[in-house]
Amino acid sequence: MATVDECRQALHDLAAKLAANAEAQGHLDLDRTLACRITDLDTAFHGRITGGRLIDIADGDDPKAKIALTATSDHLIELINGKLDLTRAFTSGQIKVKANPFDLLKLRKLL
């Protein structure tokens, strides 16, 4: 099981990757709040996806977030490090994503 600090760092690493991708791909029309809920640590983080970037990452849940990712700490780390395929993890139930279907399509472009 990963720690809260490792999960926090993984989200910041993801933010850095998305920022680099945003530069290469140009502007993506997506502006949504994001909640990341870590089930085995009973903790959550929230932030905002805008222009292809993940910004304002903070501790705590956002129950009104437009996009919600739920996973265990290990699955989150594996997902962000590219060791877990997003589609396979989603279809197998290892992670859960609640979002508008059109937002999901846009999110795939980010990764």
C-alpha atoms as a PDB file:
ATOM      1  CA  MET A   1       0.000   0.000   0.000  1.00  0.00           C
ATOM      2  CA  ALA A   2       1.325   3.419  -0.988  1.00  0.00           C
ATOM      3  CA  THR A   3       1.299   6.321   1.447  1.00  0.00           C
ATOM      4  CA  VAL A   4      -0.700   9.537   1.261  1.00  0.00           C
ATOM      5  CA  ASP A   5       2.513  11.420   0.445  1.00  0.00           C
ATOM      6  CA  GLU A   6       3.303   9.016  -2.418  1.00  0.00           C
ATOM      7  CA  CYS A   7      -0.192   9.508  -3.845  1.00  0.00           C
ATOM      8  CA  ARG A   8       0.120  13.274  -3.533  1.00  0.00           C
ATOM      9  CA  GLN A   9       3.489  13.178  -5.302  1.00  0.00           C
ATOM     10  CA  ALA A  10       2.065  10.944  -8.046  1.00  0.00           C
ATOM     11  CA  LEU A  11      -0.665  13.507  -8.732  1.00  0.00           C
ATOM     12  CA  HIS A  12       1.944  16.263  -8.952  1.00  0.00           C
ATOM     13  CA  ASP A  13       3.950  14.051 -11.335  1.00  0.00           C
ATOM     14  CA  LEU A  14       0.794  13.614 -13.421  1.00  0.00           C
ATOM     15  CA  ALA A  15       0.304  17.381 -13.445  1.00  0.00           C
ATOM     16  CA  ALA A  16       3.843  17.804 -14.795  1.00  0.00           C
ATOM     17  CA  LYS A  17       3.236  15.197 -17.519  1.00  0.00           C
ATOM     18  CA  LEU A  18      -0.039  16.821 -18.533  1.00  0.00           C
ATOM     19  CA  ALA A  19       1.617  20.234 -18.680  1.00  0.00           C
ATOM     20  CA  ALA A  20       4.271  18.840 -21.030  1.00  0.00           C
ATOM     21  CA  ASN A  21       1.595  17.162 -23.160  1.00  0.00           C
ATOM     22  CA  ALA A  22      -0.458  20.367 -23.262  1.00  0.00           C
ATOM     23  CA  GLU A  23       2.514  22.225 -24.724  1.00  0.00           C
ATOM     24  CA  ALA A  24       2.942  19.591 -27.438  1.00  0.00           C
ATOM     25  CA  GLN A  25      -0.752  19.071 -28.261  1.00  0.00           C
ATOM     26  CA  GLY A  26      -2.038  22.587 -27.961  1.00  0.00           C
ATOM     27  CA  HIS A  27      -5.114  23.774 -26.094  1.00  0.00           C
ATOM     28  CA  LEU A  28      -7.727  21.182 -25.095  1.00  0.00           C
ATOM     29  CA  ASP A  29     -11.216  22.515 -24.476  1.00  0.00           C
ATOM     30  CA  LEU A  30     -11.831  20.945 -21.073  1.00  0.00           C
ATOM     31  CA  ASP A  31     -12.367  22.844 -17.845  1.00  0.00           C
ATOM     32  CA  ARG A  32     -13.574  20.582 -15.040  1.00  0.00           C
ATOM     33  CA  THR A  33     -13.090  20.023 -11.340  1.00  0.00           C
ATOM     34  CA  LEU A  34     -11.496  16.706 -10.406  1.00  0.00           C
ATOM     35  CA  ALA A  35     -11.690  14.585  -7.272  1.00  0.00           C
ATOM     36  CA  CYS A  36      -9.332  11.675  -6.697  1.00  0.00           C
ATOM     37  CA  ARG A  37     -10.518   9.357  -3.947  1.00  0.00           C
ATOM     38  CA  ILE A  38      -8.090   6.814  -2.482  1.00  0.00           C
ATOM     39  CA  THR A  39     -10.151   4.021  -0.953  1.00  0.00           C
ATOM     40  CA  ASP A  40      -7.533   2.110   1.037  1.00  0.00           C
ATOM     41  CA  LEU A  41      -6.137   5.264   2.656  1.00  0.00           C
ATOM     42  CA  ASP A  42      -9.546   6.838   3.264  1.00  0.00           C
ATOM     43  CA  THR A  43      -8.288  10.103   1.783  1.00  0.00           C
ATOM     44  CA  ALA A  44      -8.899  12.260  -1.251  1.00  0.00           C
ATOM     45  CA  PHE A  45      -7.385  15.029  -3.325  1.00  0.00           C
ATOM     46  CA  HIS A  46      -8.969  17.548  -5.620  1.00  0.00           C
ATOM     47  CA  GLY A  47      -7.912  19.900  -8.347  1.00  0.00           C
ATOM     48  CA  ARG A  48      -8.928  21.324 -11.684  1.00  0.00           C
ATOM     49  CA  ILE A  49      -8.281  20.250 -15.249  1.00  0.00           C
ATOM     50  CA  THR A  50      -8.101  23.226 -17.557  1.00  0.00           C
ATOM     51  CA  GLY A  51      -6.451  23.683 -20.926  1.00  0.00           C
ATOM     52  CA  GLY A  52      -5.010  20.178 -20.755  1.00  0.00           C
ATOM     53  CA  ARG A  53      -3.343  20.842 -17.404  1.00  0.00           C
ATOM     54  CA  LEU A  54      -4.024  19.626 -13.880  1.00  0.00           C
ATOM     55  CA  ILE A  55      -3.786  22.574 -11.508  1.00  0.00           C
ATOM     56  CA  ASP A  56      -4.604  23.561  -7.927  1.00  0.00           C
ATOM     57  CA  ILE A  57      -4.018  20.088  -6.457  1.00  0.00           C
ATOM     58  CA  ALA A  58      -5.013  20.081  -2.794  1.00  0.00           C
ATOM     59  CA  ASP A  59      -5.842  17.626  -0.042  1.00  0.00           C
ATOM     60  CA  GLY A  60      -9.478  16.796   0.602  1.00  0.00           C
ATOM     61  CA  ASP A  61     -12.469  15.689  -1.409  1.00  0.00           C
ATOM     62  CA  ASP A  62     -14.644  17.780  -3.694  1.00  0.00           C
ATOM     63  CA  PRO A  63     -18.085  16.156  -3.611  1.00  0.00           C
ATOM     64  CA  LYS A  64     -19.248  18.452  -6.420  1.00  0.00           C
ATOM     65  CA  ALA A  65     -16.364  17.562  -8.763  1.00  0.00           C
ATOM     66  CA  LYS A  66     -17.412  17.007 -12.368  1.00  0.00           C
ATOM     67  CA  ILE A  67     -14.865  14.190 -12.735  1.00  0.00           C
ATOM     68  CA  ALA A  68     -14.240  11.688  -9.939  1.00  0.00           C
ATOM     69  CA  LEU A  69     -11.564   8.995  -9.955  1.00  0.00           C
ATOM     70  CA  THR A  70     -11.741   6.301  -7.280  1.00  0.00           C
ATOM     71  CA  ALA A  71      -8.898   3.821  -6.817  1.00  0.00           C
ATOM     72  CA  THR A  72      -6.636   2.175  -4.282  1.00  0.00           C
ATOM     73  CA  SER A  73      -3.321   3.859  -3.609  1.00  0.00           C
ATOM     74  CA  ASP A  74      -1.352   1.185  -5.476  1.00  0.00           C
ATOM     75  CA  HIS A  75      -3.632   1.338  -8.517  1.00  0.00           C
ATOM     76  CA  LEU A  76      -3.350   5.130  -8.600  1.00  0.00           C
ATOM     77  CA  ILE A  77       0.451   4.973  -8.521  1.00  0.00           C
ATOM     78  CA  GLU A  78       0.543   2.249 -11.204  1.00  0.00           C
ATOM     79  CA  LEU A  79      -1.890   4.186 -13.387  1.00  0.00           C
ATOM     80  CA  ILE A  80       0.085   7.419 -13.193  1.00  0.00           C
ATOM     81  CA  ASN A  81       3.414   5.620 -13.728  1.00  0.00           C
ATOM     82  CA  GLY A  82       2.055   3.932 -16.851  1.00  0.00           C
ATOM     83  CA  LYS A  83       2.161   0.426 -15.375  1.00  0.00           C
ATOM     84  CA  LEU A  84      -1.630   0.077 -15.415  1.00  0.00           C
ATOM     85  CA  ASP A  85      -3.634   0.617 -18.585  1.00  0.00           C
ATOM     86  CA  LEU A  86      -6.493   3.063 -17.992  1.00  0.00           C
ATOM     87  CA  THR A  87      -9.028   1.264 -20.188  1.00  0.00           C
ATOM     88  CA  ARG A  88      -8.189  -2.163 -18.808  1.00  0.00           C
ATOM     89  CA  ALA A  89      -8.254  -0.889 -15.212  1.00  0.00           C
ATOM     90  CA  PHE A  90     -11.601   0.820 -15.793  1.00  0.00           C
ATOM     91  CA  THR A  91     -13.274  -2.171 -17.453  1.00  0.00           C
ATOM     92  CA  SER A  92     -11.958  -4.589 -14.823  1.00  0.00           C
ATOM     93  CA  GLY A  93     -13.199  -2.401 -11.952  1.00  0.00           C
ATOM     94  CA  GLN A  94      -9.744  -1.647 -10.542  1.00  0.00           C
ATOM     95  CA  ILE A  95     -10.541   2.047 -10.860  1.00  0.00           C
ATOM     96  CA  LYS A  96     -13.811   3.918 -11.162  1.00  0.00           C
ATOM     97  CA  VAL A  97     -14.306   7.109 -13.110  1.00  0.00           C
ATOM     98  CA  LYS A  98     -17.474   9.161 -12.897  1.00  0.00           C
ATOM     99  CA  ALA A  99     -17.717  11.748 -15.629  1.00  0.00           C
ATOM    100  CA  ASN A 100     -19.717  12.878 -18.589  1.00  0.00           C
ATOM    101  CA  PRO A 101     -18.978  10.501 -21.533  1.00  0.00           C
ATOM    102  CA  PHE A 102     -17.782  13.432 -23.656  1.00  0.00           C
ATOM    103  CA  ASP A 103     -15.381  14.449 -20.878  1.00  0.00           C
ATOM    104  CA  LEU A 104     -14.020  10.901 -20.803  1.00  0.00           C
ATOM    105  CA  LEU A 105     -13.227  11.105 -24.509  1.00  0.00           C
ATOM    106  CA  LYS A 106     -11.399  14.395 -23.973  1.00  0.00           C
ATOM    107  CA  LEU A 107      -9.508  12.951 -21.001  1.00  0.00           C
ATOM    108  CA  ARG A 108      -8.204  10.105 -23.154  1.00  0.00           C
ATOM    109  CA  LYS A 109      -6.554  12.702 -25.382  1.00  0.00           C
ATOM    110  CA  LEU A 110      -4.644  14.023 -22.368  1.00  0.00           C
ATOM    111  CA  LEU A 111      -3.072  10.703 -21.545  1.00  0.00           C
END
